[in-house]
C-alpha atoms as a PDB file:
ATOM      1  CA  MET A   1     -51.243   0.624  -5.299  1.00  0.00           C
ATOM      2  CA  ARG A   2     -48.927   1.948  -8.027  1.00  0.00           C
ATOM      3  CA  LEU A   3     -46.842   3.687  -5.372  1.00  0.00           C
ATOM      4  CA  LEU A   4     -46.501   0.434  -3.424  1.00  0.00           C
ATOM      5  CA  ILE A   5     -45.500  -1.423  -6.582  1.00  0.00           C
ATOM      6  CA  MET A   6     -42.950   1.263  -7.427  1.00  0.00           C
ATOM      7  CA  LEU A   7     -41.525   1.155  -3.924  1.00  0.00           C
ATOM      8  CA  GLY A   8     -41.363  -2.630  -4.112  1.00  0.00           C
ATOM      9  CA  VAL A   9     -39.494  -2.503  -7.415  1.00  0.00           C
ATOM     10  CA  LEU A  10     -37.063   0.084  -6.073  1.00  0.00           C
ATOM     11  CA  GLY A  11     -36.510  -2.062  -3.001  1.00  0.00           C
ATOM     12  CA  LEU A  12     -35.739  -5.098  -5.165  1.00  0.00           C
ATOM     13  CA  VAL A  13     -33.356  -3.037  -7.304  1.00  0.00           C
ATOM     14  CA  TYR A  14     -31.596  -1.778  -4.172  1.00  0.00           C
ATOM     15  CA  ILE A  15     -31.240  -5.329  -2.817  1.00  0.00           C
ATOM     16  CA  ALA A  16     -29.905  -6.484  -6.188  1.00  0.00           C
ATOM     17  CA  ILE A  17     -27.302  -3.691  -6.186  1.00  0.00           C
ATOM     18  CA  CYS A  18     -26.229  -4.645  -2.676  1.00  0.00           C
ATOM     19  CA  PHE A  19     -25.928  -8.281  -3.740  1.00  0.00           C
ATOM     20  CA  LEU A  20     -23.822  -7.378  -6.776  1.00  0.00           C
ATOM     21  CA  VAL A  21     -21.549  -5.162  -4.678  1.00  0.00           C
ATOM     22  CA  TYR A  22     -21.072  -7.991  -2.199  1.00  0.00           C
ATOM     23  CA  LEU A  23     -20.248 -10.537  -4.908  1.00  0.00           C
ATOM     24  CA  ASN A  24     -18.072  -8.298  -7.092  1.00  0.00           C
ATOM     25  CA  GLN A  25     -16.170  -6.521  -4.357  1.00  0.00           C
ATOM     26  CA  ALA A  26     -12.761  -7.456  -5.722  1.00  0.00           C
ATOM     27  CA  ARG A  27     -13.489  -5.574  -8.959  1.00  0.00           C
ATOM     28  CA  LEU A  28     -14.193  -2.439  -6.929  1.00  0.00           C
ATOM     29  CA  VAL A  29     -10.952  -2.725  -4.945  1.00  0.00           C
ATOM     30  CA  TYR A  30      -8.303  -4.085  -7.330  1.00  0.00           C
ATOM     31  CA  TYR A  31      -7.388  -2.614 -10.723  1.00  0.00           C
ATOM     32  CA  PRO A  32      -4.403  -4.667 -11.893  1.00  0.00           C
ATOM     33  CA  GLU A  33      -2.720  -4.312 -15.246  1.00  0.00           C
ATOM     34  CA  ARG A  34      -0.733  -7.136 -16.783  1.00  0.00           C
ATOM     35  CA  GLU A  35       1.442  -5.253 -19.277  1.00  0.00           C
ATOM     36  CA  LEU A  36       4.682  -3.752 -17.974  1.00  0.00           C
ATOM     37  CA  THR A  37       5.272  -0.308 -19.433  1.00  0.00           C
ATOM     38  CA  ALA A  38       8.740   0.517 -18.070  1.00  0.00           C
ATOM     39  CA  SER A  39      11.686  -0.842 -16.110  1.00  0.00           C
ATOM     40  CA  PRO A  40      14.194   0.637 -13.646  1.00  0.00           C
ATOM     41  CA  ALA A  41      16.760   0.678 -16.448  1.00  0.00           C
ATOM     42  CA  GLU A  42      14.733   3.391 -18.173  1.00  0.00           C
ATOM     43  CA  VAL A  43      15.300   5.709 -15.193  1.00  0.00           C
ATOM     44  CA  GLY A  44      19.000   4.850 -15.048  1.00  0.00           C
ATOM     45  CA  LEU A  45      18.939   2.096 -12.434  1.00  0.00           C
ATOM     46  CA  LEU A  46      20.547  -1.319 -12.382  1.00  0.00           C
ATOM     47  CA  TYR A  47      18.166  -3.995 -11.177  1.00  0.00           C
ATOM     48  CA  GLU A  48      17.537  -7.707 -10.816  1.00  0.00           C
ATOM     49  CA  ASP A  49      14.411  -9.548 -11.908  1.00  0.00           C
ATOM     50  CA  VAL A  50      13.266 -11.602  -8.920  1.00  0.00           C
ATOM     51  CA  THR A  51      10.772 -14.436  -8.556  1.00  0.00           C
ATOM     52  CA  LEU A  52       9.137 -14.735  -5.143  1.00  0.00           C
ATOM     53  CA  ILE A  53       7.328 -17.874  -4.009  1.00  0.00           C
ATOM     54  CA  THR A  54       4.376 -17.438  -1.658  1.00  0.00           C
ATOM     55  CA  GLU A  55       3.348 -19.866   1.056  1.00  0.00           C
ATOM     56  CA  ASP A  56       0.494 -21.048  -1.164  1.00  0.00           C
ATOM     57  CA  GLY A  57       2.869 -21.733  -4.049  1.00  0.00           C
ATOM     58  CA  LEU A  58       2.322 -18.749  -6.352  1.00  0.00           C
ATOM     59  CA  LYS A  59       5.141 -17.097  -8.284  1.00  0.00           C
ATOM     60  CA  LEU A  60       5.326 -13.326  -7.937  1.00  0.00           C
ATOM     61  CA  HIS A  61       7.355 -10.924 -10.026  1.00  0.00           C
ATOM     62  CA  ALA A  62       9.595  -8.407  -8.277  1.00  0.00           C
ATOM     63  CA  TRP A  63      12.530  -6.102  -8.922  1.00  0.00           C
ATOM     64  CA  PHE A  64      15.477  -5.633  -6.605  1.00  0.00           C
ATOM     65  CA  VAL A  65      17.260  -2.331  -7.133  1.00  0.00           C
ATOM     66  CA  PRO A  66      20.528  -2.227  -5.158  1.00  0.00           C
ATOM     67  CA  ALA A  67      22.174   0.942  -3.906  1.00  0.00           C
ATOM     68  CA  SER A  68      25.918   1.165  -3.562  1.00  0.00           C
ATOM     69  CA  ALA A  69      26.778   1.150   0.155  1.00  0.00           C
ATOM     70  CA  PRO A  70      23.061   1.254   1.066  1.00  0.00           C
ATOM     71  CA  ARG A  71      21.978   2.934   4.277  1.00  0.00           C
ATOM     72  CA  GLY A  72      19.089   0.449   4.350  1.00  0.00           C
ATOM     73  CA  THR A  73      16.627  -1.479   2.199  1.00  0.00           C
ATOM     74  CA  VAL A  74      12.998  -0.628   1.463  1.00  0.00           C
ATOM     75  CA  LEU A  75      10.262  -3.184   0.912  1.00  0.00           C
ATOM     76  CA  PHE A  76       7.848  -1.265  -1.329  1.00  0.00           C
ATOM     77  CA  CYS A  77       4.133  -2.181  -1.212  1.00  0.00           C
ATOM     78  CA  HIS A  78       2.397  -0.349  -4.056  1.00  0.00           C
ATOM     79  CA  GLY A  79      -1.258   0.609  -4.430  1.00  0.00           C
ATOM     80  CA  ASN A  80      -4.294  -1.139  -5.862  1.00  0.00           C
ATOM     81  CA  ALA A  81      -3.897  -0.244  -9.550  1.00  0.00           C
ATOM     82  CA  GLY A  82      -1.460  -0.857 -12.388  1.00  0.00           C
ATOM     83  CA  ASN A  83       1.708  -2.772 -11.550  1.00  0.00           C
ATOM     84  CA  LEU A  84       5.277  -2.251 -10.405  1.00  0.00           C
ATOM     85  CA  SER A  85       6.322  -0.714 -13.737  1.00  0.00           C
ATOM     86  CA  HIS A  86       4.239   2.372 -12.960  1.00  0.00           C
ATOM     87  CA  ARG A  87       6.393   3.122  -9.894  1.00  0.00           C
ATOM     88  CA  THR A  88       9.868   3.394 -11.424  1.00  0.00           C
ATOM     89  CA  GLY A  89      10.033   7.125 -10.703  1.00  0.00           C
ATOM     90  CA  PHE A  90       9.469   6.579  -7.017  1.00  0.00           C
ATOM     91  CA  VAL A  91      11.916   3.686  -6.943  1.00  0.00           C
ATOM     92  CA  ARG A  92      14.498   6.118  -8.310  1.00  0.00           C
ATOM     93  CA  PHE A  93      13.580   8.611  -5.572  1.00  0.00           C
ATOM     94  CA  LEU A  94      14.254   5.972  -2.897  1.00  0.00           C
ATOM     95  CA  HIS A  95      17.485   4.991  -4.614  1.00  0.00           C
ATOM     96  CA  GLU A  96      18.618   8.634  -4.572  1.00  0.00           C
ATOM     97  CA  LEU A  97      18.144   8.576  -0.791  1.00  0.00           C
ATOM     98  CA  GLY A  98      20.768   5.812  -0.672  1.00  0.00           C
ATOM     99  CA  LEU A  99      18.291   2.978  -0.182  1.00  0.00           C
ATOM    100  CA  SER A 100      18.104  -0.381  -1.926  1.00  0.00           C
ATOM    101  CA  VAL A 101      14.560  -1.276  -2.985  1.00  0.00           C
ATOM    102  CA  LEU A 102      12.536  -4.440  -3.431  1.00  0.00           C
ATOM    103  CA  ILE A 103       9.260  -3.710  -5.215  1.00  0.00           C
ATOM    104  CA  PHE A 104       6.913  -6.590  -5.991  1.00  0.00           C
ATOM    105  CA  ASP A 105       3.621  -7.151  -7.746  1.00  0.00           C
ATOM    106  CA  TYR A 106       0.752  -8.681  -5.827  1.00  0.00           C
ATOM    107  CA  ARG A 107      -0.862 -11.818  -7.195  1.00  0.00           C
ATOM    108  CA  GLY A 108      -2.776 -10.982 -10.364  1.00  0.00           C
ATOM    109  CA  PHE A 109      -0.746  -7.830 -11.040  1.00  0.00           C
ATOM    110  CA  GLY A 110       1.833  -7.582 -13.809  1.00  0.00           C
ATOM    111  CA  ARG A 111       3.628 -10.899 -14.295  1.00  0.00           C
ATOM    112  CA  SER A 112       2.594 -12.340 -10.935  1.00  0.00           C
ATOM    113  CA  GLU A 113       0.421 -15.448 -10.913  1.00  0.00           C
ATOM    114  CA  GLY A 114      -3.028 -15.739  -9.386  1.00  0.00           C
ATOM    115  CA  GLU A 115      -5.867 -13.343  -8.640  1.00  0.00           C
ATOM    116  CA  PRO A 116      -5.782 -10.621  -5.957  1.00  0.00           C
ATOM    117  CA  ASP A 117      -7.576 -10.869  -2.642  1.00  0.00           C
ATOM    118  CA  GLU A 118      -6.945  -9.406   0.801  1.00  0.00           C
ATOM    119  CA  ALA A 119      -5.335 -12.440   2.423  1.00  0.00           C
ATOM    120  CA  GLY A 120      -3.302 -12.984  -0.727  1.00  0.00           C
ATOM    121  CA  THR A 121      -1.812  -9.483  -0.695  1.00  0.00           C
ATOM    122  CA  TYR A 122      -0.728 -10.037   2.911  1.00  0.00           C
ATOM    123  CA  ALA A 123       0.878 -13.366   1.947  1.00  0.00           C
ATOM    124  CA  ASP A 124       2.606 -11.697  -0.997  1.00  0.00           C
ATOM    125  CA  ALA A 125       4.179  -9.013   1.210  1.00  0.00           C
ATOM    126  CA  LEU A 126       5.373 -11.682   3.627  1.00  0.00           C
ATOM    127  CA  ALA A 127       7.007 -13.573   0.745  1.00  0.00           C
ATOM    128  CA  ALA A 128       8.829 -10.384  -0.235  1.00  0.00           C
ATOM    129  CA  TRP A 129       9.981  -9.848   3.351  1.00  0.00           C
ATOM    130  CA  ARG A 130      11.279 -13.399   3.623  1.00  0.00           C
ATOM    131  CA  HIS A 131      13.167 -12.996   0.369  1.00  0.00           C
ATOM    132  CA  LEU A 132      15.043 -10.047   1.826  1.00  0.00           C
ATOM    133  CA  VAL A 133      15.711 -11.629   5.211  1.00  0.00           C
ATOM    134  CA  VAL A 134      16.271 -15.270   4.271  1.00  0.00           C
ATOM    135  CA  ASP A 135      17.482 -15.250   0.668  1.00  0.00           C
ATOM    136  CA  ARG A 136      19.495 -12.016   0.772  1.00  0.00           C
ATOM    137  CA  GLY A 137      20.478 -12.156   4.430  1.00  0.00           C
ATOM    138  CA  ILE A 138      19.510  -8.560   5.154  1.00  0.00           C
ATOM    139  CA  GLY A 139      19.028  -7.917   8.866  1.00  0.00           C
ATOM    140  CA  GLU A 140      15.637  -6.733  10.050  1.00  0.00           C
ATOM    141  CA  ASP A 141      17.361  -3.765  11.671  1.00  0.00           C
ATOM    142  CA  ARG A 142      18.205  -2.481   8.147  1.00  0.00           C
ATOM    143  CA  LEU A 143      14.758  -3.001   6.634  1.00  0.00           C
ATOM    144  CA  LEU A 144      12.106  -0.340   6.174  1.00  0.00           C
ATOM    145  CA  ILE A 145       8.585  -1.140   4.961  1.00  0.00           C
ATOM    146  CA  PHE A 146       6.918   1.456   2.753  1.00  0.00           C
ATOM    147  CA  GLY A 147       3.334   1.400   1.521  1.00  0.00           C
ATOM    148  CA  ARG A 148       1.199   3.865  -0.389  1.00  0.00           C
ATOM    149  CA  SER A 149      -2.633   3.865  -0.512  1.00  0.00           C
ATOM    150  CA  MET A 150      -3.795   0.230  -0.389  1.00  0.00           C
ATOM    151  CA  GLY A 151      -0.133  -0.697  -0.079  1.00  0.00           C
ATOM    152  CA  ALA A 152      -0.094   1.186   3.216  1.00  0.00           C
ATOM    153  CA  ALA A 153      -2.699  -1.235   4.559  1.00  0.00           C
ATOM    154  CA  VAL A 154      -0.582  -4.171   3.356  1.00  0.00           C
ATOM    155  CA  ALA A 155       2.530  -2.621   4.918  1.00  0.00           C
ATOM    156  CA  ILE A 156       0.757  -2.086   8.243  1.00  0.00           C
ATOM    157  CA  GLU A 157      -0.439  -5.687   8.365  1.00  0.00           C
ATOM    158  CA  LEU A 158       3.044  -6.963   7.550  1.00  0.00           C
ATOM    159  CA  ALA A 159       4.582  -4.787  10.265  1.00  0.00           C
ATOM    160  CA  THR A 160       2.352  -6.500  12.848  1.00  0.00           C
ATOM    161  CA  ARG A 161       3.898  -9.872  11.924  1.00  0.00           C
ATOM    162  CA  VAL A 162       7.574  -8.948  11.490  1.00  0.00           C
ATOM    163  CA  ARG A 163       9.912  -6.470  13.156  1.00  0.00           C
ATOM    164  CA  PRO A 164      11.024  -3.807  10.662  1.00  0.00           C
ATOM    165  CA  ALA A 165      13.416  -1.068  11.652  1.00  0.00           C
ATOM    166  CA  ALA A 166      10.880   1.500  10.438  1.00  0.00           C
ATOM    167  CA  LEU A 167       7.529   1.906   8.685  1.00  0.00           C
ATOM    168  CA  VAL A 168       6.498   4.664   6.264  1.00  0.00           C
ATOM    169  CA  ILE A 169       2.891   4.850   5.105  1.00  0.00           C
ATOM    170  CA  GLU A 170       1.557   7.380   2.643  1.00  0.00           C
ATOM    171  CA  SER A 171      -2.011   8.307   1.637  1.00  0.00           C
ATOM    172  CA  ALA A 172      -3.322   5.604   3.946  1.00  0.00           C
ATOM    173  CA  PHE A 173      -6.991   4.919   4.634  1.00  0.00           C
ATOM    174  CA  THR A 174      -8.339   3.658   7.953  1.00  0.00           C
ATOM    175  CA  SER A 175     -10.282   0.736   6.432  1.00  0.00           C
ATOM    176  CA  THR A 176     -12.048  -0.183   3.225  1.00  0.00           C
ATOM    177  CA  ALA A 177     -15.354   0.018   5.100  1.00  0.00           C
ATOM    178  CA  ASP A 178     -14.604   3.659   5.921  1.00  0.00           C
ATOM    179  CA  MET A 179     -13.604   4.327   2.320  1.00  0.00           C
ATOM    180  CA  GLY A 180     -16.691   2.563   0.991  1.00  0.00           C
ATOM    181  CA  THR A 181     -18.927   4.620   3.238  1.00  0.00           C
ATOM    182  CA  LYS A 182     -17.354   7.758   1.771  1.00  0.00           C
ATOM    183  CA  VAL A 183     -17.775   6.625  -1.844  1.00  0.00           C
ATOM    184  CA  TYR A 184     -21.139   4.862  -1.492  1.00  0.00           C
ATOM    185  CA  PRO A 185     -22.969   6.649   1.347  1.00  0.00           C
ATOM    186  CA  TRP A 186     -26.291   5.251   0.120  1.00  0.00           C
ATOM    187  CA  LEU A 187     -25.218   1.607   0.609  1.00  0.00           C
ATOM    188  CA  PRO A 188     -24.934  -0.386   3.879  1.00  0.00           C
ATOM    189  CA  VAL A 189     -21.203  -0.719   3.239  1.00  0.00           C
ATOM    190  CA  ARG A 190     -20.256  -2.001   6.698  1.00  0.00           C
ATOM    191  CA  TRP A 191     -22.610  -4.950   6.254  1.00  0.00           C
ATOM    192  CA  LEU A 192     -21.413  -5.690   2.737  1.00  0.00           C
ATOM    193  CA  THR A 193     -17.652  -5.374   3.216  1.00  0.00           C
ATOM    194  CA  ARG A 194     -15.681  -8.606   2.867  1.00  0.00           C
ATOM    195  CA  ILE A 195     -12.370  -6.974   1.883  1.00  0.00           C
ATOM    196  CA  ARG A 196     -11.542  -5.021   5.016  1.00  0.00           C
ATOM    197  CA  TYR A 197      -7.927  -3.778   5.104  1.00  0.00           C
ATOM    198  CA  ASP A 198      -8.670  -2.685   8.672  1.00  0.00           C
ATOM    199  CA  SER A 199      -5.538  -0.632   9.356  1.00  0.00           C
ATOM    200  CA  ILE A 200      -7.084   1.388  12.172  1.00  0.00           C
ATOM    201  CA  SER A 201      -7.386  -1.730  14.335  1.00  0.00           C
ATOM    202  CA  ARG A 202      -3.750  -2.747  13.715  1.00  0.00           C
ATOM    203  CA  ILE A 203      -1.664   0.414  13.789  1.00  0.00           C
ATOM    204  CA  ALA A 204      -1.311   0.628  17.594  1.00  0.00           C
ATOM    205  CA  ARG A 205       0.400  -2.779  17.675  1.00  0.00           C
ATOM    206  CA  ILE A 206       3.435  -1.625  15.678  1.00  0.00           C
ATOM    207  CA  GLU A 207       6.403  -0.643  17.831  1.00  0.00           C
ATOM    208  CA  ALA A 208       8.799   0.461  15.084  1.00  0.00           C
ATOM    209  CA  PRO A 209       9.308   4.172  14.318  1.00  0.00           C
ATOM    210  CA  LYS A 210       6.562   5.321  11.969  1.00  0.00           C
ATOM    211  CA  LEU A 211       6.240   8.136   9.458  1.00  0.00           C
ATOM    212  CA  PHE A 212       2.772   9.056   8.217  1.00  0.00           C
ATOM    213  CA  VAL A 213       2.630  11.049   4.974  1.00  0.00           C
ATOM    214  CA  HIS A 214      -0.567  12.585   3.631  1.00  0.00           C
ATOM    215  CA  SER A 215      -1.676  15.532   1.533  1.00  0.00           C
ATOM    216  CA  HIS A 216      -4.613  17.617   2.690  1.00  0.00           C
ATOM    217  CA  GLU A 217      -5.385  17.951  -1.038  1.00  0.00           C
ATOM    218  CA  ASP A 218      -5.677  14.169  -1.535  1.00  0.00           C
ATOM    219  CA  GLU A 219      -8.740  13.705  -3.731  1.00  0.00           C
ATOM    220  CA  LEU A 220      -9.140   9.961  -3.034  1.00  0.00           C
ATOM    221  CA  VAL A 221      -8.241   9.248   0.584  1.00  0.00           C
ATOM    222  CA  PRO A 222      -9.351  11.920   3.070  1.00  0.00           C
ATOM    223  CA  PHE A 223      -6.532  13.673   4.904  1.00  0.00           C
ATOM    224  CA  MET A 224      -8.294  13.031   8.208  1.00  0.00           C
ATOM    225  CA  MET A 225      -7.911   9.271   7.735  1.00  0.00           C
ATOM    226  CA  GLY A 226      -4.154   9.734   7.785  1.00  0.00           C
ATOM    227  CA  ARG A 227      -4.456  11.891  10.899  1.00  0.00           C
ATOM    228  CA  GLU A 228      -6.682   9.293  12.558  1.00  0.00           C
ATOM    229  CA  LEU A 229      -4.157   6.537  11.925  1.00  0.00           C
ATOM    230  CA  TYR A 230      -1.404   8.765  13.280  1.00  0.00           C
ATOM    231  CA  GLY A 231      -3.473   9.477  16.394  1.00  0.00           C
ATOM    232  CA  GLN A 232      -3.951   5.779  17.099  1.00  0.00           C
ATOM    233  CA  ALA A 233      -0.281   4.890  16.558  1.00  0.00           C
ATOM    234  CA  SER A 234       2.128   4.465  19.444  1.00  0.00           C
ATOM    235  CA  PRO A 235       5.397   6.445  19.627  1.00  0.00           C
ATOM    236  CA  PRO A 236       7.868   6.927  18.079  1.00  0.00           C
ATOM    237  CA  LYS A 237       5.953   8.511  15.232  1.00  0.00           C
ATOM    238  CA  SER A 238       5.888  11.608  13.060  1.00  0.00           C
ATOM    239  CA  PHE A 239       3.549  13.122  10.500  1.00  0.00           C
ATOM    240  CA  LEU A 240       4.555  14.775   7.236  1.00  0.00           C
ATOM    241  CA  GLU A 241       1.856  16.932   5.640  1.00  0.00           C
ATOM    242  CA  ILE A 242       2.409  17.492   1.932  1.00  0.00           C
ATOM    243  CA  HIS A 243       0.591  19.162  -0.956  1.00  0.00           C
ATOM    244  CA  GLY A 244      -0.699  17.727  -4.208  1.00  0.00           C
ATOM    245  CA  GLY A 245      -2.975  14.906  -5.235  1.00  0.00           C
ATOM    246  CA  HIS A 246      -3.180  11.277  -4.216  1.00  0.00           C
ATOM    247  CA  ASP A 247      -0.618  10.119  -6.768  1.00  0.00           C
ATOM    248  CA  ASP A 248       1.593  13.155  -7.288  1.00  0.00           C
ATOM    249  CA  GLY A 249       1.971  14.671  -3.824  1.00  0.00           C
ATOM    250  CA  TRP A 250       5.541  13.407  -3.545  1.00  0.00           C
ATOM    251  CA  ILE A 251       6.362  15.263  -6.772  1.00  0.00           C
ATOM    252  CA  VAL A 252       4.450  18.470  -6.052  1.00  0.00           C
ATOM    253  CA  SER A 253       5.983  18.698  -2.559  1.00  0.00           C
ATOM    254  CA  ARG A 254       9.395  17.347  -3.532  1.00  0.00           C
ATOM    255  CA  ALA A 255      11.581  19.626  -1.394  1.00  0.00           C
ATOM    256  CA  ASP A 256       9.499  19.119   1.763  1.00  0.00           C
ATOM    257  CA  TYR A 257       9.081  15.454   0.906  1.00  0.00           C
ATOM    258  CA  ILE A 258      12.830  14.838   0.669  1.00  0.00           C
ATOM    259  CA  GLU A 259      13.448  16.749   3.888  1.00  0.00           C
ATOM    260  CA  GLY A 260      10.757  14.763   5.686  1.00  0.00           C
ATOM    261  CA  TRP A 261      12.195  11.441   4.565  1.00  0.00           C
ATOM    262  CA  GLU A 262      15.750  12.443   5.470  1.00  0.00           C
ATOM    263  CA  ARG A 263      14.686  13.624   8.905  1.00  0.00           C
ATOM    264  CA  PHE A 264      12.798  10.392   9.559  1.00  0.00           C
ATOM    265  CA  LEU A 265      15.578   8.142   8.271  1.00  0.00           C
ATOM    266  CA  SER A 266      18.078   9.861  10.600  1.00  0.00           C
ATOM    267  CA  MET A 267      15.678   9.533  13.545  1.00  0.00           C
ATOM    268  CA  ALA A 268      15.144   5.827  12.763  1.00  0.00           C
ATOM    269  CA  GLY A 269      18.882   5.146  12.628  1.00  0.00           C
ATOM    270  CA  PHE A 270      19.437   4.806   8.875  1.00  0.00           C
END
């Protein structure tokens, strides 16, 4: 009898955990920070503060960093933590490649209004795209979408709705369900998942040239997820394998990283 009671209690605890995971999913996916800790000026870049307006009426904060005689413009979709001020080093890297950059904060991140959710991040990226195309008059044939980690999923979704000249995704996962299964193998993640970021079902629909970047030493997103996305993508495509961790691979592998970007940009017509 005691064993049955114990098993019953454990079963109730397990159900309660599943229920909490289902309800509090956003807290497991998004880690926004409100305070800005840096600006492009601190890495020697001129920039403009930009306010984007989403289709549902939210104001988002963004920075536009122009290059002189730019070879193209990058729409930068960052990951699920912090805010745009934590990416100034990478913005400078893109600028050194001769690219103008628009980096924006999703709703609930930094100075952007609202609270993050999956549909909202997609709407936020679309607002950033429309700012470049409509407000700045930049042709789609000069626009490249870049996304890292969760931002890669946002970039992939955006590229199914617009026609960028190129797409670069780095440290990308196949879906949040796949990631959740890796992190919580003892939970029925595929039944509980409401935030999906299902990149693996979308990637084949993108016709633009694509560069996939991933480190086999990535401690957060398995290297094989990047390879799986690459395998499902249609040509033209290329894969750049780098070294280093999830957040610092582009620094650890800087020489190979620069060469890979330059090679891809030339192939894509930039």
